[in-house]
Amino acid sequence: MHESASLSDDGEARSVADVVERLATKYPEVDRAEVERIVRTEHHEFDGKPVRDFVPVLVEKAAKKQIKAIAKA
């Protein structure tokens, strides 16, 4: 059972890395390091939460809102 949790964690990590790629590409005017920081911060908001199925989607939505505001500034 521990292995499936690890595989799930790996899949989530890949999905979150994909979020960074998408947002960094969509908002090139925002420094990539800032995009990574925002996504990492949003991802950590879900630490310890048992249901992980939609975490990457929720992380992307919250991070995009912040990055979009930076891009407009």
PDB file of N, CA and C in Angstrom:
ATOM      1  N   MET A   1       0.820  -1.187   0.000  1.00  0.00           N
ATOM      2  CA  MET A   1       0.000   0.000   0.000  1.00  0.00           C
ATOM      3  C   MET A   1       0.866   1.254   0.000  1.00  0.00           C
ATOM      4  N   HIS A   2       1.985   1.221   0.652  1.00  0.00           N
ATOM      5  CA  HIS A   2       2.884   2.365   0.679  1.00  0.00           C
ATOM      6  C   HIS A   2       3.374   2.716  -0.720  1.00  0.00           C
ATOM      7  N   GLU A   3       3.586   1.690  -1.551  1.00  0.00           N
ATOM      8  CA  GLU A   3       4.039   1.935  -2.915  1.00  0.00           C
ATOM      9  C   GLU A   3       3.018   2.718  -3.722  1.00  0.00           C
ATOM     10  N   SER A   4       1.736   2.415  -3.600  1.00  0.00           N
ATOM     11  CA  SER A   4       0.732   3.136  -4.372  1.00  0.00           C
ATOM     12  C   SER A   4       0.659   4.594  -3.927  1.00  0.00           C
ATOM     13  N   ALA A   5       0.842   4.857  -2.635  1.00  0.00           N
ATOM     14  CA  ALA A   5       0.865   6.248  -2.170  1.00  0.00           C
ATOM     15  C   ALA A   5       2.051   6.962  -2.782  1.00  0.00           C
ATOM     16  N   SER A   6       3.186   6.284  -2.865  1.00  0.00           N
ATOM     17  CA  SER A   6       4.379   6.880  -3.452  1.00  0.00           C
ATOM     18  C   SER A   6       4.174   7.168  -4.933  1.00  0.00           C
ATOM     19  N   LEU A   7       3.549   6.240  -5.633  1.00  0.00           N
ATOM     20  CA  LEU A   7       3.270   6.460  -7.052  1.00  0.00           C
ATOM     21  C   LEU A   7       2.322   7.634  -7.228  1.00  0.00           C
ATOM     22  N   SER A   8       1.344   7.727  -6.349  1.00  0.00           N
ATOM     23  CA  SER A   8       0.400   8.833  -6.398  1.00  0.00           C
ATOM     24  C   SER A   8       1.126  10.152  -6.138  1.00  0.00           C
ATOM     25  N   ASP A   9       2.029  10.166  -5.172  1.00  0.00           N
ATOM     26  CA  ASP A   9       2.810  11.360  -4.861  1.00  0.00           C
ATOM     27  C   ASP A   9       3.658  11.772  -6.061  1.00  0.00           C
ATOM     28  N   ASP A  10       4.264  10.789  -6.734  1.00  0.00           N
ATOM     29  CA  ASP A  10       5.074  11.076  -7.919  1.00  0.00           C
ATOM     30  C   ASP A  10       4.222  11.675  -9.031  1.00  0.00           C
ATOM     31  N   GLY A  11       3.035  11.133  -9.225  1.00  0.00           N
ATOM     32  CA  GLY A  11       2.126  11.660 -10.241  1.00  0.00           C
ATOM     33  C   GLY A  11       1.688  13.070  -9.908  1.00  0.00           C
ATOM     34  N   GLU A  12       1.436  13.325  -8.649  1.00  0.00           N
ATOM     35  CA  GLU A  12       1.047  14.668  -8.227  1.00  0.00           C
ATOM     36  C   GLU A  12       2.205  15.639  -8.440  1.00  0.00           C
ATOM     37  N   ALA A  13       3.409  15.226  -8.097  1.00  0.00           N
ATOM     38  CA  ALA A  13       4.587  16.084  -8.286  1.00  0.00           C
ATOM     39  C   ALA A  13       4.775  16.419  -9.772  1.00  0.00           C
ATOM     40  N   ARG A  14       4.586  15.442 -10.634  1.00  0.00           N
ATOM     41  CA  ARG A  14       4.696  15.688 -12.089  1.00  0.00           C
ATOM     42  C   ARG A  14       3.610  16.649 -12.542  1.00  0.00           C
ATOM     43  N   SER A  15       2.409  16.469 -12.035  1.00  0.00           N
ATOM     44  CA  SER A  15       1.303  17.353 -12.412  1.00  0.00           C
ATOM     45  C   SER A  15       1.563  18.787 -11.954  1.00  0.00           C
ATOM     46  N   VAL A  16       2.101  18.942 -10.764  1.00  0.00           N
ATOM     47  CA  VAL A  16       2.404  20.280 -10.260  1.00  0.00           C
ATOM     48  C   VAL A  16       3.551  20.901 -11.070  1.00  0.00           C
ATOM     49  N   ALA A  17       4.529  20.105 -11.460  1.00  0.00           N
ATOM     50  CA  ALA A  17       5.606  20.606 -12.328  1.00  0.00           C
ATOM     51  C   ALA A  17       5.024  21.058 -13.667  1.00  0.00           C
ATOM     52  N   ASP A  18       4.039  20.340 -14.169  1.00  0.00           N
ATOM     53  CA  ASP A  18       3.361  20.742 -15.407  1.00  0.00           C
ATOM     54  C   ASP A  18       2.628  22.071 -15.231  1.00  0.00           C
ATOM     55  N   VAL A  19       2.076  22.297 -14.045  1.00  0.00           N
ATOM     56  CA  VAL A  19       1.411  23.563 -13.744  1.00  0.00           C
ATOM     57  C   VAL A  19       2.424  24.707 -13.861  1.00  0.00           C
ATOM     58  N   VAL A  20       3.606  24.512 -13.291  1.00  0.00           N
ATOM     59  CA  VAL A  20       4.663  25.528 -13.386  1.00  0.00           C
ATOM     60  C   VAL A  20       4.968  25.812 -14.848  1.00  0.00           C
ATOM     61  N   GLU A  21       5.136  24.774 -15.644  1.00  0.00           N
ATOM     62  CA  GLU A  21       5.446  24.952 -17.068  1.00  0.00           C
ATOM     63  C   GLU A  21       4.359  25.741 -17.788  1.00  0.00           C
ATOM     64  N   ARG A  22       3.108  25.345 -17.566  1.00  0.00           N
ATOM     65  CA  ARG A  22       1.999  26.036 -18.243  1.00  0.00           C
ATOM     66  C   ARG A  22       1.924  27.508 -17.861  1.00  0.00           C
ATOM     67  N   LEU A  23       2.022  27.783 -16.564  1.00  0.00           N
ATOM     68  CA  LEU A  23       1.893  29.165 -16.109  1.00  0.00           C
ATOM     69  C   LEU A  23       3.106  30.007 -16.504  1.00  0.00           C
ATOM     70  N   ALA A  24       4.296  29.425 -16.461  1.00  0.00           N
ATOM     71  CA  ALA A  24       5.497  30.160 -16.877  1.00  0.00           C
ATOM     72  C   ALA A  24       5.434  30.479 -18.369  1.00  0.00           C
ATOM     73  N   THR A  25       4.878  29.593 -19.149  1.00  0.00           N
ATOM     74  CA  THR A  25       4.726  29.818 -20.591  1.00  0.00           C
ATOM     75  C   THR A  25       3.643  30.853 -20.860  1.00  0.00           C
ATOM     76  N   LYS A  26       2.545  30.755 -20.138  1.00  0.00           N
ATOM     77  CA  LYS A  26       1.419  31.671 -20.354  1.00  0.00           C
ATOM     78  C   LYS A  26       1.740  33.090 -19.898  1.00  0.00           C
ATOM     79  N   TYR A  27       2.566  33.225 -18.863  1.00  0.00           N
ATOM     80  CA  TYR A  27       2.909  34.534 -18.303  1.00  0.00           C
ATOM     81  C   TYR A  27       4.428  34.733 -18.321  1.00  0.00           C
ATOM     82  N   PRO A  28       5.020  34.878 -19.507  1.00  0.00           N
ATOM     83  CA  PRO A  28       6.484  35.001 -19.602  1.00  0.00           C
ATOM     84  C   PRO A  28       7.017  36.283 -18.959  1.00  0.00           C
ATOM     85  N   GLU A  29       6.151  37.267 -18.754  1.00  0.00           N
ATOM     86  CA  GLU A  29       6.587  38.509 -18.130  1.00  0.00           C
ATOM     87  C   GLU A  29       6.811  38.365 -16.619  1.00  0.00           C
ATOM     88  N   VAL A  30       6.345  37.255 -16.055  1.00  0.00           N
ATOM     89  CA  VAL A  30       6.564  36.968 -14.636  1.00  0.00           C
ATOM     90  C   VAL A  30       7.763  36.028 -14.535  1.00  0.00           C
ATOM     91  N   ASP A  31       8.705  36.400 -13.688  1.00  0.00           N
ATOM     92  CA  ASP A  31       9.914  35.596 -13.512  1.00  0.00           C
ATOM     93  C   ASP A  31       9.556  34.149 -13.160  1.00  0.00           C
ATOM     94  N   ARG A  32      10.214  33.215 -13.819  1.00  0.00           N
ATOM     95  CA  ARG A  32       9.918  31.799 -13.606  1.00  0.00           C
ATOM     96  C   ARG A  32      10.091  31.393 -12.143  1.00  0.00           C
ATOM     97  N   ALA A  33      11.099  31.938 -11.485  1.00  0.00           N
ATOM     98  CA  ALA A  33      11.318  31.619 -10.072  1.00  0.00           C
ATOM     99  C   ALA A  33      10.121  32.055  -9.231  1.00  0.00           C
ATOM    100  N   GLU A  34       9.513  33.173  -9.601  1.00  0.00           N
ATOM    101  CA  GLU A  34       8.319  33.650  -8.890  1.00  0.00           C
ATOM    102  C   GLU A  34       7.141  32.706  -9.146  1.00  0.00           C
ATOM    103  N   VAL A  35       6.998  32.251 -10.380  1.00  0.00           N
ATOM    104  CA  VAL A  35       5.939  31.281 -10.710  1.00  0.00           C
ATOM    105  C   VAL A  35       6.138  30.014  -9.883  1.00  0.00           C
ATOM    106  N   GLU A  36       7.369  29.518  -9.845  1.00  0.00           N
ATOM    107  CA  GLU A  36       7.654  28.303  -9.078  1.00  0.00           C
ATOM    108  C   GLU A  36       7.350  28.512  -7.594  1.00  0.00           C
ATOM    109  N   ARG A  37       7.712  29.664  -7.050  1.00  0.00           N
ATOM    110  CA  ARG A  37       7.463  29.955  -5.639  1.00  0.00           C
ATOM    111  C   ARG A  37       5.963  29.971  -5.334  1.00  0.00           C
ATOM    112  N   ILE A  38       5.208  30.625  -6.201  1.00  0.00           N
ATOM    113  CA  ILE A  38       3.757  30.713  -6.000  1.00  0.00           C
ATOM    114  C   ILE A  38       3.120  29.326  -6.070  1.00  0.00           C
ATOM    115  N   VAL A  39       3.492  28.557  -7.078  1.00  0.00           N
ATOM    116  CA  VAL A  39       2.922  27.210  -7.233  1.00  0.00           C
ATOM    117  C   VAL A  39       3.308  26.337  -6.043  1.00  0.00           C
ATOM    118  N   ARG A  40       4.564  26.403  -5.619  1.00  0.00           N
ATOM    119  CA  ARG A  40       5.017  25.608  -4.469  1.00  0.00           C
ATOM    120  C   ARG A  40       4.237  26.008  -3.206  1.00  0.00           C
ATOM    121  N   THR A  41       4.055  27.305  -2.990  1.00  0.00           N
ATOM    122  CA  THR A  41       3.304  27.780  -1.825  1.00  0.00           C
ATOM    123  C   THR A  41       1.866  27.282  -1.857  1.00  0.00           C
ATOM    124  N   GLU A  42       1.227  27.402  -3.018  1.00  0.00           N
ATOM    125  CA  GLU A  42      -0.157  26.922  -3.149  1.00  0.00           C
ATOM    126  C   GLU A  42      -0.235  25.414  -2.946  1.00  0.00           C
ATOM    127  N   HIS A  43       0.748  24.689  -3.454  1.00  0.00           N
ATOM    128  CA  HIS A  43       0.756  23.230  -3.304  1.00  0.00           C
ATOM    129  C   HIS A  43       0.868  22.853  -1.835  1.00  0.00           C
ATOM    130  N   HIS A  44       1.691  23.560  -1.083  1.00  0.00           N
ATOM    131  CA  HIS A  44       1.861  23.249   0.341  1.00  0.00           C
ATOM    132  C   HIS A  44       0.603  23.527   1.154  1.00  0.00           C
ATOM    133  N   GLU A  45      -0.288  24.341   0.631  1.00  0.00           N
ATOM    134  CA  GLU A  45      -1.560  24.590   1.322  1.00  0.00           C
ATOM    135  C   GLU A  45      -2.364  23.288   1.485  1.00  0.00           C
ATOM    136  N   PHE A  46      -2.067  22.297   0.649  1.00  0.00           N
ATOM    137  CA  PHE A  46      -2.802  21.033   0.669  1.00  0.00           C
ATOM    138  C   PHE A  46      -2.071  19.931   1.431  1.00  0.00           C
ATOM    139  N   ASP A  47      -0.933  20.265   2.036  1.00  0.00           N
ATOM    140  CA  ASP A  47      -0.202  19.273   2.834  1.00  0.00           C
ATOM    141  C   ASP A  47      -1.109  18.732   3.929  1.00  0.00           C
ATOM    142  N   GLY A  48      -1.090  17.430   4.093  1.00  0.00           N
ATOM    143  CA  GLY A  48      -1.856  16.795   5.147  1.00  0.00           C
ATOM    144  C   GLY A  48      -3.325  16.562   4.824  1.00  0.00           C
ATOM    145  N   LYS A  49      -3.759  17.035   3.669  1.00  0.00           N
ATOM    146  CA  LYS A  49      -5.156  16.813   3.273  1.00  0.00           C
ATOM    147  C   LYS A  49      -5.265  15.416   2.658  1.00  0.00           C
ATOM    148  N   PRO A  50      -6.269  14.641   3.062  1.00  0.00           N
ATOM    149  CA  PRO A  50      -6.341  13.250   2.620  1.00  0.00           C
ATOM    150  C   PRO A  50      -6.740  13.055   1.151  1.00  0.00           C
ATOM    151  N   VAL A  51      -7.586  13.896   0.632  1.00  0.00           N
ATOM    152  CA  VAL A  51      -8.040  13.715  -0.751  1.00  0.00           C
ATOM    153  C   VAL A  51      -7.119  14.512  -1.667  1.00  0.00           C
ATOM    154  N   ARG A  52      -6.437  13.812  -2.567  1.00  0.00           N
ATOM    155  CA  ARG A  52      -5.400  14.435  -3.387  1.00  0.00           C
ATOM    156  C   ARG A  52      -5.777  14.517  -4.870  1.00  0.00           C
ATOM    157  N   ASP A  53      -6.915  13.965  -5.261  1.00  0.00           N
ATOM    158  CA  ASP A  53      -7.268  13.831  -6.669  1.00  0.00           C
ATOM    159  C   ASP A  53      -7.243  15.148  -7.445  1.00  0.00           C
ATOM    160  N   PHE A  54      -7.685  16.219  -6.849  1.00  0.00           N
ATOM    161  CA  PHE A  54      -7.817  17.479  -7.579  1.00  0.00           C
ATOM    162  C   PHE A  54      -6.801  18.527  -7.153  1.00  0.00           C
ATOM    163  N   VAL A  55      -5.808  18.134  -6.372  1.00  0.00           N
ATOM    164  CA  VAL A  55      -4.829  19.095  -5.875  1.00  0.00           C
ATOM    165  C   VAL A  55      -4.156  19.865  -7.005  1.00  0.00           C
ATOM    166  N   PRO A  56      -3.627  19.225  -8.051  1.00  0.00           N
ATOM    167  CA  PRO A  56      -2.980  20.009  -9.110  1.00  0.00           C
ATOM    168  C   PRO A  56      -3.905  21.042  -9.764  1.00  0.00           C
ATOM    169  N   VAL A  57      -5.156  20.687  -9.961  1.00  0.00           N
ATOM    170  CA  VAL A  57      -6.120  21.620 -10.560  1.00  0.00           C
ATOM    171  C   VAL A  57      -6.357  22.807  -9.631  1.00  0.00           C
ATOM    172  N   LEU A  58      -6.526  22.527  -8.355  1.00  0.00           N
ATOM    173  CA  LEU A  58      -6.756  23.594  -7.377  1.00  0.00           C
ATOM    174  C   LEU A  58      -5.526  24.487  -7.220  1.00  0.00           C
ATOM    175  N   VAL A  59      -4.343  23.869  -7.242  1.00  0.00           N
ATOM    176  CA  VAL A  59      -3.098  24.631  -7.165  1.00  0.00           C
ATOM    177  C   VAL A  59      -2.982  25.558  -8.368  1.00  0.00           C
ATOM    178  N   GLU A  60      -3.264  25.033  -9.555  1.00  0.00           N
ATOM    179  CA  GLU A  60      -3.154  25.846 -10.769  1.00  0.00           C
ATOM    180  C   GLU A  60      -4.116  27.031 -10.724  1.00  0.00           C
ATOM    181  N   LYS A  61      -5.324  26.787 -10.298  1.00  0.00           N
ATOM    182  CA  LYS A  61      -6.319  27.859 -10.249  1.00  0.00           C
ATOM    183  C   LYS A  61      -5.880  28.974  -9.298  1.00  0.00           C
ATOM    184  N   ALA A  62      -5.433  28.609  -8.096  1.00  0.00           N
ATOM    185  CA  ALA A  62      -5.021  29.610  -7.114  1.00  0.00           C
ATOM    186  C   ALA A  62      -3.752  30.334  -7.557  1.00  0.00           C
ATOM    187  N   ALA A  63      -2.792  29.600  -8.092  1.00  0.00           N
ATOM    188  CA  ALA A  63      -1.535  30.205  -8.530  1.00  0.00           C
ATOM    189  C   ALA A  63      -1.774  31.126  -9.720  1.00  0.00           C
ATOM    190  N   LYS A  64      -2.620  30.704 -10.643  1.00  0.00           N
ATOM    191  CA  LYS A  64      -2.904  31.516 -11.825  1.00  0.00           C
ATOM    192  C   LYS A  64      -3.483  32.872 -11.430  1.00  0.00           C
ATOM    193  N   LYS A  65      -4.344  32.881 -10.448  1.00  0.00           N
ATOM    194  CA  LYS A  65      -4.951  34.131  -9.987  1.00  0.00           C
ATOM    195  C   LYS A  65      -3.865  35.100  -9.513  1.00  0.00           C
ATOM    196  N   GLN A  66      -2.921  34.598  -8.737  1.00  0.00           N
ATOM    197  CA  GLN A  66      -1.831  35.451  -8.241  1.00  0.00           C
ATOM    198  C   GLN A  66      -0.906  35.907  -9.365  1.00  0.00           C
ATOM    199  N   ILE A  67      -0.553  34.985 -10.245  1.00  0.00           N
ATOM    200  CA  ILE A  67       0.382  35.290 -11.325  1.00  0.00           C
ATOM    201  C   ILE A  67      -0.249  36.283 -12.300  1.00  0.00           C
ATOM    202  N   LYS A  68      -1.515  36.115 -12.569  1.00  0.00           N
ATOM    203  CA  LYS A  68      -2.224  37.034 -13.458  1.00  0.00           C
ATOM    204  C   LYS A  68      -2.184  38.447 -12.881  1.00  0.00           C
ATOM    205  N   ALA A  69      -2.374  38.589 -11.572  1.00  0.00           N
ATOM    206  CA  ALA A  69      -2.317  39.901 -10.927  1.00  0.00           C
ATOM    207  C   ALA A  69      -0.922  40.505 -11.054  1.00  0.00           C
ATOM    208  N   ILE A  70       0.105  39.702 -10.906  1.00  0.00           N
ATOM    209  CA  ILE A  70       1.486  40.192 -11.055  1.00  0.00           C
ATOM    210  C   ILE A  70       1.723  40.633 -12.493  1.00  0.00           C
ATOM    211  N   ALA A  71       1.238  39.842 -13.442  1.00  0.00           N
ATOM    212  CA  ALA A  71       1.459  40.135 -14.850  1.00  0.00           C
ATOM    213  C   ALA A  71       0.782  41.457 -15.248  1.00  0.00           C
ATOM    214  N   LYS A  72      -0.338  41.773 -14.629  1.00  0.00           N
ATOM    215  CA  LYS A  72      -1.057  43.010 -14.940  1.00  0.00           C
ATOM    216  C   LYS A  72      -0.394  44.228 -14.299  1.00  0.00           C
ATOM    217  N   ALA A  73       0.374  44.009 -13.242  1.00  0.00           N
ATOM    218  CA  ALA A  73       0.968  45.132 -12.508  1.00  0.00           C
ATOM    219  C   ALA A  73       2.071  45.829 -13.293  1.00  0.00           C
TER     220      ALA A  73
END
